[in-house]
Amino acid sequence: MPRFAANLSFLYPELAFPDRFEAAAQDGFEGVEYMFPYEYEPHVLARRLAENGLRQVLLNAPPAGQETADFERAWREGIRGTACLPGREAEFRAGMEWALRYAEALECPRIHCMAGVLPDGTADEARAEARATYVRNLRWAAAQAATIGCDVLIEPINQRDMPGFFLSLQEDAHAIVQEVGAPNLKVQMDFYHCQIMEGDVSTKLNRYLPTGRVGHLQIAGVPERHEPDVGELNYSYLFRMIDQLSQQSSWDGWVGCEYRPALGATPGGTTRGLRWWRDWRAEVEAQSLVEAKAR
């Protein structure tokens, strides 16, 4: 059965961030992920993880800036990474160094580096320069992350939610990973973004998961980005496919629950919305019983 991680930037919005760790553990999650941890000292977050028996499976490098005061402001201003932006290489490296310090302190094996947004009407020549900058930055980041045994992830993000984002297609992400050539540079495949941009999610999962170049999966219902049991994707089918492909390819990653609870910040709303997970576990247990009896 896939291992699910609670995305604490999205789930349990009625709670203060530090209290979301306990809520996730009480709901049965064993792993957590979130975007930006930099508001809190690493030892504070490490204590929350330890107290609740949780593993940190993913965090984001800062969106922009070189100090903590810059990070939140950059996000509010719509900056979504600097990895592909020429002239901001020093800023990208400073942010990556922050992420590496947190990843090491939290024993987190994956760092997501957002590519960045290009202005409308960016000329082909400028786009090519952005790609070259992206490749150079990722090559440097992967080398730094390798020193602490950490993977660097890149994620295609849809153009509806994030207009102008540099990386939007699975094929392009895999081409960049192959060009960089670092074994610890991988793709973060978010089914929500993939379905909106290109569809055919199961075929792409079947194509890419066995390659070893997919480091992390994320889920959400489409199109509202609520729980995965509502919307146009058949997640029960996709979860079975992940199981099958994992057995064939020894993929042992996590599936991040990066969705907005339909009940919003209603107390207990996230927990009530986890029906999809309870139903899936019941389905797996029932199938296991059938298989056991057959033996």
C-alpha atoms as a PDB file:
ATOM      1  CA  MET A   1       0.000   0.000   0.000  1.00  0.00           C
ATOM      2  CA  PRO A   2       1.373   3.477  -0.829  1.00  0.00           C
ATOM      3  CA  ARG A   3       2.817   5.408   2.091  1.00  0.00           C
ATOM      4  CA  PHE A   4       0.886   8.648   2.507  1.00  0.00           C
ATOM      5  CA  ALA A   5       2.362  11.856   3.949  1.00  0.00           C
ATOM      6  CA  ALA A   6       0.264  14.739   5.252  1.00  0.00           C
ATOM      7  CA  ASN A   7       1.090  18.076   3.659  1.00  0.00           C
ATOM      8  CA  LEU A   8       0.940  20.388   6.674  1.00  0.00           C
ATOM      9  CA  SER A   9       0.891  23.523   4.519  1.00  0.00           C
ATOM     10  CA  PHE A  10      -2.538  22.415   3.257  1.00  0.00           C
ATOM     11  CA  LEU A  11      -4.105  20.077   5.806  1.00  0.00           C
ATOM     12  CA  TYR A  12      -5.447  20.991   9.258  1.00  0.00           C
ATOM     13  CA  PRO A  13      -5.744  24.725   8.423  1.00  0.00           C
ATOM     14  CA  GLU A  14      -7.790  25.354  11.577  1.00  0.00           C
ATOM     15  CA  LEU A  15      -4.704  24.630  13.706  1.00  0.00           C
ATOM     16  CA  ALA A  16      -1.527  26.589  14.303  1.00  0.00           C
ATOM     17  CA  PHE A  17       1.254  25.052  12.226  1.00  0.00           C
ATOM     18  CA  PRO A  18       3.126  23.412  15.146  1.00  0.00           C
ATOM     19  CA  ASP A  19      -0.080  21.697  16.251  1.00  0.00           C
ATOM     20  CA  ARG A  20      -0.641  20.076  12.877  1.00  0.00           C
ATOM     21  CA  PHE A  21       2.041  17.454  13.551  1.00  0.00           C
ATOM     22  CA  GLU A  22       0.048  15.898  16.379  1.00  0.00           C
ATOM     23  CA  ALA A  23      -3.176  16.020  14.364  1.00  0.00           C
ATOM     24  CA  ALA A  24      -1.509  14.206  11.457  1.00  0.00           C
ATOM     25  CA  ALA A  25      -0.128  11.516  13.753  1.00  0.00           C
ATOM     26  CA  GLN A  26      -3.512  11.009  15.395  1.00  0.00           C
ATOM     27  CA  ASP A  27      -5.048  10.446  11.964  1.00  0.00           C
ATOM     28  CA  GLY A  28      -2.521   7.703  11.240  1.00  0.00           C
ATOM     29  CA  PHE A  29       0.028   9.496   9.057  1.00  0.00           C
ATOM     30  CA  GLU A  30       3.620   8.385   9.511  1.00  0.00           C
ATOM     31  CA  GLY A  31       5.176  11.047   7.282  1.00  0.00           C
ATOM     32  CA  VAL A  32       4.724  14.780   6.745  1.00  0.00           C
ATOM     33  CA  GLU A  33       5.727  17.309   4.141  1.00  0.00           C
ATOM     34  CA  TYR A  34       5.270  21.058   3.862  1.00  0.00           C
ATOM     35  CA  MET A  35       6.509  23.933   1.790  1.00  0.00           C
ATOM     36  CA  PHE A  36       8.570  26.312   3.890  1.00  0.00           C
ATOM     37  CA  PRO A  37       9.851  25.491   7.398  1.00  0.00           C
ATOM     38  CA  TYR A  38      12.001  28.585   7.803  1.00  0.00           C
ATOM     39  CA  GLU A  39       9.742  30.454  10.215  1.00  0.00           C
ATOM     40  CA  TYR A  40      10.722  27.887  12.861  1.00  0.00           C
ATOM     41  CA  GLU A  41      14.119  26.821  14.144  1.00  0.00           C
ATOM     42  CA  PRO A  42      15.073  23.298  13.029  1.00  0.00           C
ATOM     43  CA  HIS A  43      15.192  21.954  16.593  1.00  0.00           C
ATOM     44  CA  VAL A  44      11.565  23.050  17.158  1.00  0.00           C
ATOM     45  CA  LEU A  45      10.384  21.083  14.133  1.00  0.00           C
ATOM     46  CA  ALA A  46      12.619  18.115  14.961  1.00  0.00           C
ATOM     47  CA  ARG A  47      11.029  17.941  18.395  1.00  0.00           C
ATOM     48  CA  ARG A  48       7.529  17.951  16.899  1.00  0.00           C
ATOM     49  CA  LEU A  49       8.492  15.127  14.569  1.00  0.00           C
ATOM     50  CA  ALA A  50      10.017  13.053  17.358  1.00  0.00           C
ATOM     51  CA  GLU A  51       7.164  13.619  19.805  1.00  0.00           C
ATOM     52  CA  ASN A  52       4.654  12.373  17.267  1.00  0.00           C
ATOM     53  CA  GLY A  53       6.646   9.543  15.679  1.00  0.00           C
ATOM     54  CA  LEU A  54       6.685  11.241  12.281  1.00  0.00           C
ATOM     55  CA  ARG A  55       9.180  11.342   9.437  1.00  0.00           C
ATOM     56  CA  GLN A  56       9.884  14.462   7.443  1.00  0.00           C
ATOM     57  CA  VAL A  57       9.761  13.293   3.815  1.00  0.00           C
ATOM     58  CA  LEU A  58       9.876  16.546   1.815  1.00  0.00           C
ATOM     59  CA  LEU A  59      10.413  20.284   2.173  1.00  0.00           C
ATOM     60  CA  ASN A  60      10.755  23.180  -0.256  1.00  0.00           C
ATOM     61  CA  ALA A  61      13.745  25.396  -0.792  1.00  0.00           C
ATOM     62  CA  PRO A  62      12.844  29.083  -0.241  1.00  0.00           C
ATOM     63  CA  PRO A  63      10.943  30.746  -3.112  1.00  0.00           C
ATOM     64  CA  ALA A  64      13.441  33.649  -3.251  1.00  0.00           C
ATOM     65  CA  GLY A  65      15.600  35.797  -1.014  1.00  0.00           C
ATOM     66  CA  GLN A  66      18.609  35.126   1.166  1.00  0.00           C
ATOM     67  CA  GLU A  67      17.202  35.595   4.691  1.00  0.00           C
ATOM     68  CA  THR A  68      14.072  34.387   6.465  1.00  0.00           C
ATOM     69  CA  ALA A  69      12.447  37.819   6.308  1.00  0.00           C
ATOM     70  CA  ASP A  70      12.707  37.647   2.507  1.00  0.00           C
ATOM     71  CA  PHE A  71      11.057  34.276   2.048  1.00  0.00           C
ATOM     72  CA  GLU A  72       7.483  35.044   3.105  1.00  0.00           C
ATOM     73  CA  ARG A  73       7.536  38.408   1.334  1.00  0.00           C
ATOM     74  CA  ALA A  74       8.738  36.770  -1.878  1.00  0.00           C
ATOM     75  CA  TRP A  75       5.893  34.257  -1.760  1.00  0.00           C
ATOM     76  CA  ARG A  76       3.307  36.980  -1.148  1.00  0.00           C
ATOM     77  CA  GLU A  77       4.701  38.889  -4.127  1.00  0.00           C
ATOM     78  CA  GLY A  78       4.178  35.890  -6.394  1.00  0.00           C
ATOM     79  CA  ILE A  79       7.780  34.726  -6.726  1.00  0.00           C
ATOM     80  CA  ARG A  80       7.772  30.986  -7.276  1.00  0.00           C
ATOM     81  CA  GLY A  81      11.426  30.048  -7.248  1.00  0.00           C
ATOM     82  CA  THR A  82      14.576  31.431  -8.841  1.00  0.00           C
ATOM     83  CA  ALA A  83      16.184  28.305 -10.291  1.00  0.00           C
ATOM     84  CA  CYS A  84      15.617  29.320 -13.922  1.00  0.00           C
ATOM     85  CA  LEU A  85      16.077  33.079 -13.535  1.00  0.00           C
ATOM     86  CA  PRO A  86      19.353  34.425 -14.990  1.00  0.00           C
ATOM     87  CA  GLY A  87      21.123  36.872 -12.693  1.00  0.00           C
ATOM     88  CA  ARG A  88      19.696  35.361  -9.518  1.00  0.00           C
ATOM     89  CA  GLU A  89      22.111  32.479  -9.150  1.00  0.00           C
ATOM     90  CA  ALA A  90      23.564  33.742  -5.859  1.00  0.00           C
ATOM     91  CA  GLU A  91      20.047  34.023  -4.443  1.00  0.00           C
ATOM     92  CA  PHE A  92      19.225  30.489  -5.562  1.00  0.00           C
ATOM     93  CA  ARG A  93      22.362  29.125  -3.927  1.00  0.00           C
ATOM     94  CA  ALA A  94      21.708  30.961  -0.680  1.00  0.00           C
ATOM     95  CA  GLY A  95      18.194  29.544  -0.549  1.00  0.00           C
ATOM     96  CA  MET A  96      19.440  26.047  -1.283  1.00  0.00           C
ATOM     97  CA  GLU A  97      21.942  26.318   1.549  1.00  0.00           C
ATOM     98  CA  TRP A  98      19.069  27.163   3.905  1.00  0.00           C
ATOM     99  CA  ALA A  99      17.149  24.128   2.654  1.00  0.00           C
ATOM    100  CA  LEU A 100      20.136  21.835   3.094  1.00  0.00           C
ATOM    101  CA  ARG A 101      20.623  22.923   6.694  1.00  0.00           C
ATOM    102  CA  TYR A 102      16.994  22.160   7.483  1.00  0.00           C
ATOM    103  CA  ALA A 103      16.999  18.892   5.555  1.00  0.00           C
ATOM    104  CA  GLU A 104      20.035  17.663   7.457  1.00  0.00           C
ATOM    105  CA  ALA A 105      18.633  18.699  10.841  1.00  0.00           C
ATOM    106  CA  LEU A 106      15.246  17.090  10.119  1.00  0.00           C
ATOM    107  CA  GLU A 107      16.690  14.006   8.387  1.00  0.00           C
ATOM    108  CA  CYS A 108      14.604  14.923   5.349  1.00  0.00           C
ATOM    109  CA  PRO A 109      15.691  13.064   2.204  1.00  0.00           C
ATOM    110  CA  ARG A 110      14.084  15.349  -0.406  1.00  0.00           C
ATOM    111  CA  ILE A 111      14.205  19.048  -1.268  1.00  0.00           C
ATOM    112  CA  HIS A 112      11.893  20.537  -3.884  1.00  0.00           C
ATOM    113  CA  CYS A 113      13.370  23.457  -5.855  1.00  0.00           C
ATOM    114  CA  MET A 114      10.761  25.551  -7.657  1.00  0.00           C
ATOM    115  CA  ALA A 115      11.781  26.614 -11.138  1.00  0.00           C
ATOM    116  CA  GLY A 116      10.409  30.154 -11.265  1.00  0.00           C
ATOM    117  CA  VAL A 117       7.987  32.177 -13.370  1.00  0.00           C
ATOM    118  CA  LEU A 118       8.817  33.828 -16.685  1.00  0.00           C
ATOM    119  CA  PRO A 119       6.981  36.983 -17.861  1.00  0.00           C
ATOM    120  CA  ASP A 120       4.291  36.781 -20.516  1.00  0.00           C
ATOM    121  CA  GLY A 121       5.721  36.981 -23.993  1.00  0.00           C
ATOM    122  CA  THR A 122       9.218  35.769 -23.059  1.00  0.00           C
ATOM    123  CA  ALA A 123      11.128  35.385 -26.314  1.00  0.00           C
ATOM    124  CA  ASP A 124      12.521  32.016 -27.393  1.00  0.00           C
ATOM    125  CA  GLU A 125      16.096  33.214 -26.878  1.00  0.00           C
ATOM    126  CA  ALA A 126      15.354  34.316 -23.307  1.00  0.00           C
ATOM    127  CA  ARG A 127      13.547  31.060 -22.622  1.00  0.00           C
ATOM    128  CA  ALA A 128      16.579  29.122 -23.832  1.00  0.00           C
ATOM    129  CA  GLU A 129      18.785  31.161 -21.498  1.00  0.00           C
ATOM    130  CA  ALA A 130      16.408  30.403 -18.634  1.00  0.00           C
ATOM    131  CA  ARG A 131      16.647  26.691 -19.384  1.00  0.00           C
ATOM    132  CA  ALA A 132      20.436  26.811 -19.435  1.00  0.00           C
ATOM    133  CA  THR A 133      20.400  28.653 -16.095  1.00  0.00           C
ATOM    134  CA  TYR A 134      18.013  26.061 -14.702  1.00  0.00           C
ATOM    135  CA  VAL A 135      20.276  23.192 -15.722  1.00  0.00           C
ATOM    136  CA  ARG A 136      23.377  24.836 -14.226  1.00  0.00           C
ATOM    137  CA  ASN A 137      21.623  25.609 -10.966  1.00  0.00           C
ATOM    138  CA  LEU A 138      20.192  22.116 -10.660  1.00  0.00           C
ATOM    139  CA  ARG A 139      23.563  20.534 -11.366  1.00  0.00           C
ATOM    140  CA  TRP A 140      25.101  22.607  -8.559  1.00  0.00           C
ATOM    141  CA  ALA A 141      22.181  21.905  -6.180  1.00  0.00           C
ATOM    142  CA  ALA A 142      22.293  18.163  -6.800  1.00  0.00           C
ATOM    143  CA  ALA A 143      26.020  18.089  -6.063  1.00  0.00           C
ATOM    144  CA  GLN A 144      25.517  19.949  -2.785  1.00  0.00           C
ATOM    145  CA  ALA A 145      22.588  17.754  -1.758  1.00  0.00           C
ATOM    146  CA  ALA A 146      24.540  14.591  -2.498  1.00  0.00           C
ATOM    147  CA  THR A 147      26.966  15.449   0.308  1.00  0.00           C
ATOM    148  CA  ILE A 148      24.179  14.828   2.858  1.00  0.00           C
ATOM    149  CA  GLY A 149      22.477  12.006   0.949  1.00  0.00           C
ATOM    150  CA  CYS A 150      19.543  14.130  -0.168  1.00  0.00           C
ATOM    151  CA  ASP A 151      17.568  14.180  -3.428  1.00  0.00           C
ATOM    152  CA  VAL A 152      16.658  17.378  -5.273  1.00  0.00           C
ATOM    153  CA  LEU A 153      13.209  17.366  -6.862  1.00  0.00           C
ATOM    154  CA  ILE A 154      11.714  19.417  -9.674  1.00  0.00           C
ATOM    155  CA  GLU A 155       7.967  19.613 -10.193  1.00  0.00           C
ATOM    156  CA  PRO A 156       5.917  20.422 -13.286  1.00  0.00           C
ATOM    157  CA  ILE A 157       3.157  22.819 -12.158  1.00  0.00           C
ATOM    158  CA  ASN A 158       0.058  23.666 -14.154  1.00  0.00           C
ATOM    159  CA  GLN A 159      -0.351  26.995 -15.940  1.00  0.00           C
ATOM    160  CA  ARG A 160      -3.868  27.596 -14.641  1.00  0.00           C
ATOM    161  CA  ASP A 161      -2.800  27.852 -11.008  1.00  0.00           C
ATOM    162  CA  MET A 162       0.619  29.312 -11.693  1.00  0.00           C
ATOM    163  CA  PRO A 163       0.694  31.191 -15.041  1.00  0.00           C
ATOM    164  CA  GLY A 164       4.141  31.489 -16.544  1.00  0.00           C
ATOM    165  CA  PHE A 165       5.738  28.761 -14.417  1.00  0.00           C
ATOM    166  CA  PHE A 166       8.764  27.534 -16.321  1.00  0.00           C
ATOM    167  CA  LEU A 167       8.171  23.787 -15.964  1.00  0.00           C
ATOM    168  CA  SER A 168       4.723  22.348 -16.699  1.00  0.00           C
ATOM    169  CA  LEU A 169       5.074  19.009 -18.492  1.00  0.00           C
ATOM    170  CA  GLN A 170       6.302  15.631 -17.273  1.00  0.00           C
ATOM    171  CA  GLU A 171       8.284  15.024 -20.455  1.00  0.00           C
ATOM    172  CA  ASP A 172      10.165  18.308 -20.066  1.00  0.00           C
ATOM    173  CA  ALA A 173      10.998  17.564 -16.439  1.00  0.00           C
ATOM    174  CA  HIS A 174      12.405  14.152 -17.308  1.00  0.00           C
ATOM    175  CA  ALA A 175      14.422  15.604 -20.175  1.00  0.00           C
ATOM    176  CA  ILE A 176      16.038  18.084 -17.767  1.00  0.00           C
ATOM    177  CA  VAL A 177      16.765  15.353 -15.227  1.00  0.00           C
ATOM    178  CA  GLN A 178      18.492  13.314 -17.915  1.00  0.00           C
ATOM    179  CA  GLU A 179      20.447  16.314 -19.181  1.00  0.00           C
ATOM    180  CA  VAL A 180      21.732  17.197 -15.714  1.00  0.00           C
ATOM    181  CA  GLY A 181      22.682  13.577 -15.211  1.00  0.00           C
ATOM    182  CA  ALA A 182      22.816  13.613 -11.411  1.00  0.00           C
ATOM    183  CA  PRO A 183      21.426  10.417  -9.845  1.00  0.00           C
ATOM    184  CA  ASN A 184      19.871  12.398  -6.981  1.00  0.00           C
ATOM    185  CA  LEU A 185      17.929  14.812  -9.221  1.00  0.00           C
ATOM    186  CA  LYS A 186      14.387  13.492  -9.662  1.00  0.00           C
ATOM    187  CA  VAL A 187      10.865  14.493 -10.630  1.00  0.00           C
ATOM    188  CA  GLN A 188       8.083  15.277  -8.188  1.00  0.00           C
ATOM    189  CA  MET A 189       5.000  14.022 -10.012  1.00  0.00           C
ATOM    190  CA  ASP A 190       1.811  15.694  -8.829  1.00  0.00           C
ATOM    191  CA  PHE A 191      -1.248  14.007 -10.334  1.00  0.00           C
ATOM    192  CA  TYR A 192      -3.306  17.176  -9.900  1.00  0.00           C
ATOM    193  CA  HIS A 193      -0.954  19.301 -12.003  1.00  0.00           C
ATOM    194  CA  CYS A 194      -0.426  16.498 -14.511  1.00  0.00           C
ATOM    195  CA  GLN A 195      -4.144  15.971 -15.088  1.00  0.00           C
ATOM    196  CA  ILE A 196      -4.788  19.677 -15.654  1.00  0.00           C
ATOM    197  CA  MET A 197      -1.895  20.155 -18.067  1.00  0.00           C
ATOM    198  CA  GLU A 198      -1.846  16.948 -20.066  1.00  0.00           C
ATOM    199  CA  GLY A 199      -4.113  14.211 -18.671  1.00  0.00           C
ATOM    200  CA  ASP A 200      -3.367  10.546 -19.367  1.00  0.00           C
ATOM    201  CA  VAL A 201      -2.045  10.265 -15.810  1.00  0.00           C
ATOM    202  CA  SER A 202      -1.984   6.477 -15.593  1.00  0.00           C
ATOM    203  CA  THR A 203       0.017   6.140 -18.815  1.00  0.00           C
ATOM    204  CA  LYS A 204       2.560   8.666 -17.593  1.00  0.00           C
ATOM    205  CA  LEU A 205       2.796   6.954 -14.218  1.00  0.00           C
ATOM    206  CA  ASN A 206       3.366   3.629 -15.956  1.00  0.00           C
ATOM    207  CA  ARG A 207       6.001   5.207 -18.179  1.00  0.00           C
ATOM    208  CA  TYR A 208       7.983   7.149 -15.612  1.00  0.00           C
ATOM    209  CA  LEU A 209       7.753   5.449 -12.200  1.00  0.00           C
ATOM    210  CA  PRO A 210       9.812   2.396 -13.236  1.00  0.00           C
ATOM    211  CA  THR A 211      12.644   4.620 -14.545  1.00  0.00           C
ATOM    212  CA  GLY A 212      13.849   5.526 -11.044  1.00  0.00           C
ATOM    213  CA  ARG A 213      13.583   9.213 -11.928  1.00  0.00           C
ATOM    214  CA  VAL A 214      10.386   9.858  -9.940  1.00  0.00           C
ATOM    215  CA  GLY A 215      11.289  10.764  -6.394  1.00  0.00           C
ATOM    216  CA  HIS A 216       7.904  11.693  -4.951  1.00  0.00           C
ATOM    217  CA  LEU A 217       4.193  11.651  -5.799  1.00  0.00           C
ATOM    218  CA  GLN A 218       1.452  14.072  -4.753  1.00  0.00           C
ATOM    219  CA  ILE A 219      -2.324  13.866  -4.984  1.00  0.00           C
ATOM    220  CA  ALA A 220      -5.426  16.056  -4.953  1.00  0.00           C
ATOM    221  CA  GLY A 221      -8.871  15.970  -6.505  1.00  0.00           C
ATOM    222  CA  VAL A 222      -9.290  17.649  -9.885  1.00  0.00           C
ATOM    223  CA  PRO A 223     -10.396  20.342 -10.565  1.00  0.00           C
ATOM    224  CA  GLU A 224     -11.118  21.819  -7.110  1.00  0.00           C
ATOM    225  CA  ARG A 225      -7.964  20.496  -5.415  1.00  0.00           C
ATOM    226  CA  HIS A 226      -9.966  18.985  -2.571  1.00  0.00           C
ATOM    227  CA  GLU A 227      -9.883  15.389  -1.312  1.00  0.00           C
ATOM    228  CA  PRO A 228      -8.878  12.859  -3.973  1.00  0.00           C
ATOM    229  CA  ASP A 229     -12.160  10.920  -3.793  1.00  0.00           C
ATOM    230  CA  VAL A 230     -13.978  13.841  -5.451  1.00  0.00           C
ATOM    231  CA  GLY A 231     -13.239  14.805  -9.028  1.00  0.00           C
ATOM    232  CA  GLU A 232     -12.289  13.391 -12.371  1.00  0.00           C
ATOM    233  CA  LEU A 233      -9.399  11.091 -11.348  1.00  0.00           C
ATOM    234  CA  ASN A 234      -9.962   7.498 -10.235  1.00  0.00           C
ATOM    235  CA  TYR A 235      -7.528   7.393  -7.345  1.00  0.00           C
ATOM    236  CA  SER A 236      -8.417   3.859  -6.270  1.00  0.00           C
ATOM    237  CA  TYR A 237      -7.208   2.732  -9.693  1.00  0.00           C
ATOM    238  CA  LEU A 238      -4.072   4.885  -9.461  1.00  0.00           C
ATOM    239  CA  PHE A 239      -3.218   3.614  -5.970  1.00  0.00           C
ATOM    240  CA  ARG A 240      -3.430   0.022  -7.216  1.00  0.00           C
ATOM    241  CA  MET A 241      -1.192   0.966 -10.108  1.00  0.00           C
ATOM    242  CA  ILE A 242       1.363   2.514  -7.736  1.00  0.00           C
ATOM    243  CA  ASP A 243       1.361  -0.733  -5.739  1.00  0.00           C
ATOM    244  CA  GLN A 244       1.900  -2.841  -8.828  1.00  0.00           C
ATOM    245  CA  LEU A 245       4.637  -0.637 -10.257  1.00  0.00           C
ATOM    246  CA  SER A 246       6.362  -0.404  -6.879  1.00  0.00           C
ATOM    247  CA  GLN A 247       6.563  -4.183  -6.660  1.00  0.00           C
ATOM    248  CA  GLN A 248       7.986  -4.370 -10.163  1.00  0.00           C
ATOM    249  CA  SER A 249      10.515  -1.530  -9.815  1.00  0.00           C
ATOM    250  CA  SER A 250      11.277  -1.405  -6.054  1.00  0.00           C
ATOM    251  CA  TRP A 251       9.991   2.189  -5.875  1.00  0.00           C
ATOM    252  CA  ASP A 252       9.600   3.002  -2.179  1.00  0.00           C
ATOM    253  CA  GLY A 253       8.679   6.688  -2.177  1.00  0.00           C
ATOM    254  CA  TRP A 254       5.856   8.573  -0.531  1.00  0.00           C
ATOM    255  CA  VAL A 255       2.550   9.989  -1.741  1.00  0.00           C
ATOM    256  CA  GLY A 256       2.034  13.521  -0.444  1.00  0.00           C
ATOM    257  CA  CYS A 257      -1.530  14.627   0.332  1.00  0.00           C
ATOM    258  CA  GLU A 258      -1.305  18.174  -0.991  1.00  0.00           C
ATOM    259  CA  TYR A 259      -4.937  19.186  -1.164  1.00  0.00           C
ATOM    260  CA  ARG A 260      -7.255  21.744   0.393  1.00  0.00           C
ATOM    261  CA  PRO A 261      -9.820  20.089   2.668  1.00  0.00           C
ATOM    262  CA  ALA A 262     -13.322  20.670   1.315  1.00  0.00           C
ATOM    263  CA  LEU A 263     -14.458  21.654   4.806  1.00  0.00           C
ATOM    264  CA  GLY A 264     -11.739  24.279   4.988  1.00  0.00           C
ATOM    265  CA  ALA A 265     -10.779  25.422   8.471  1.00  0.00           C
ATOM    266  CA  THR A 266     -13.804  23.813  10.117  1.00  0.00           C
ATOM    267  CA  PRO A 267     -12.545  22.104  13.297  1.00  0.00           C
ATOM    268  CA  GLY A 268     -11.932  18.460  12.465  1.00  0.00           C
ATOM    269  CA  GLY A 269     -12.593  19.053   8.772  1.00  0.00           C
ATOM    270  CA  THR A 270      -9.387  17.434   7.545  1.00  0.00           C
ATOM    271  CA  THR A 271     -10.006  14.331   9.652  1.00  0.00           C
ATOM    272  CA  ARG A 272     -13.588  13.945   8.424  1.00  0.00           C
ATOM    273  CA  GLY A 273     -12.375  14.376   4.866  1.00  0.00           C
ATOM    274  CA  LEU A 274      -9.985  11.408   5.194  1.00  0.00           C
ATOM    275  CA  ARG A 275     -12.795   9.031   4.297  1.00  0.00           C
ATOM    276  CA  TRP A 276     -10.973   8.356   1.019  1.00  0.00           C
ATOM    277  CA  TRP A 277      -7.985   6.978   2.944  1.00  0.00           C
ATOM    278  CA  ARG A 278     -10.085   4.904   5.325  1.00  0.00           C
ATOM    279  CA  ASP A 279     -11.990   3.447   2.355  1.00  0.00           C
ATOM    280  CA  TRP A 280      -8.754   2.623   0.548  1.00  0.00           C
ATOM    281  CA  ARG A 281      -7.264   0.883   3.580  1.00  0.00           C
ATOM    282  CA  ALA A 282     -10.461  -1.120   4.015  1.00  0.00           C
ATOM    283  CA  GLU A 283     -10.282  -2.135   0.343  1.00  0.00           C
ATOM    284  CA  VAL A 284      -6.669  -3.269   0.738  1.00  0.00           C
ATOM    285  CA  GLU A 285      -7.443  -5.227   3.896  1.00  0.00           C
ATOM    286  CA  ALA A 286     -10.398  -6.953   2.242  1.00  0.00           C
ATOM    287  CA  GLN A 287      -8.270  -7.912  -0.751  1.00  0.00           C
ATOM    288  CA  SER A 288      -5.561  -9.247   1.556  1.00  0.00           C
ATOM    289  CA  LEU A 289      -8.107 -11.474   3.281  1.00  0.00           C
ATOM    290  CA  VAL A 290      -9.321 -12.813  -0.065  1.00  0.00           C
ATOM    291  CA  GLU A 291      -5.745 -13.579  -1.116  1.00  0.00           C
ATOM    292  CA  ALA A 292      -4.971 -15.235   2.227  1.00  0.00           C
ATOM    293  CA  LYS A 293      -7.998 -17.509   1.938  1.00  0.00           C
ATOM    294  CA  ALA A 294      -7.028 -18.388  -1.633  1.00  0.00           C
ATOM    295  CA  ARG A 295      -3.627 -19.580  -0.381  1.00  0.00           C
END
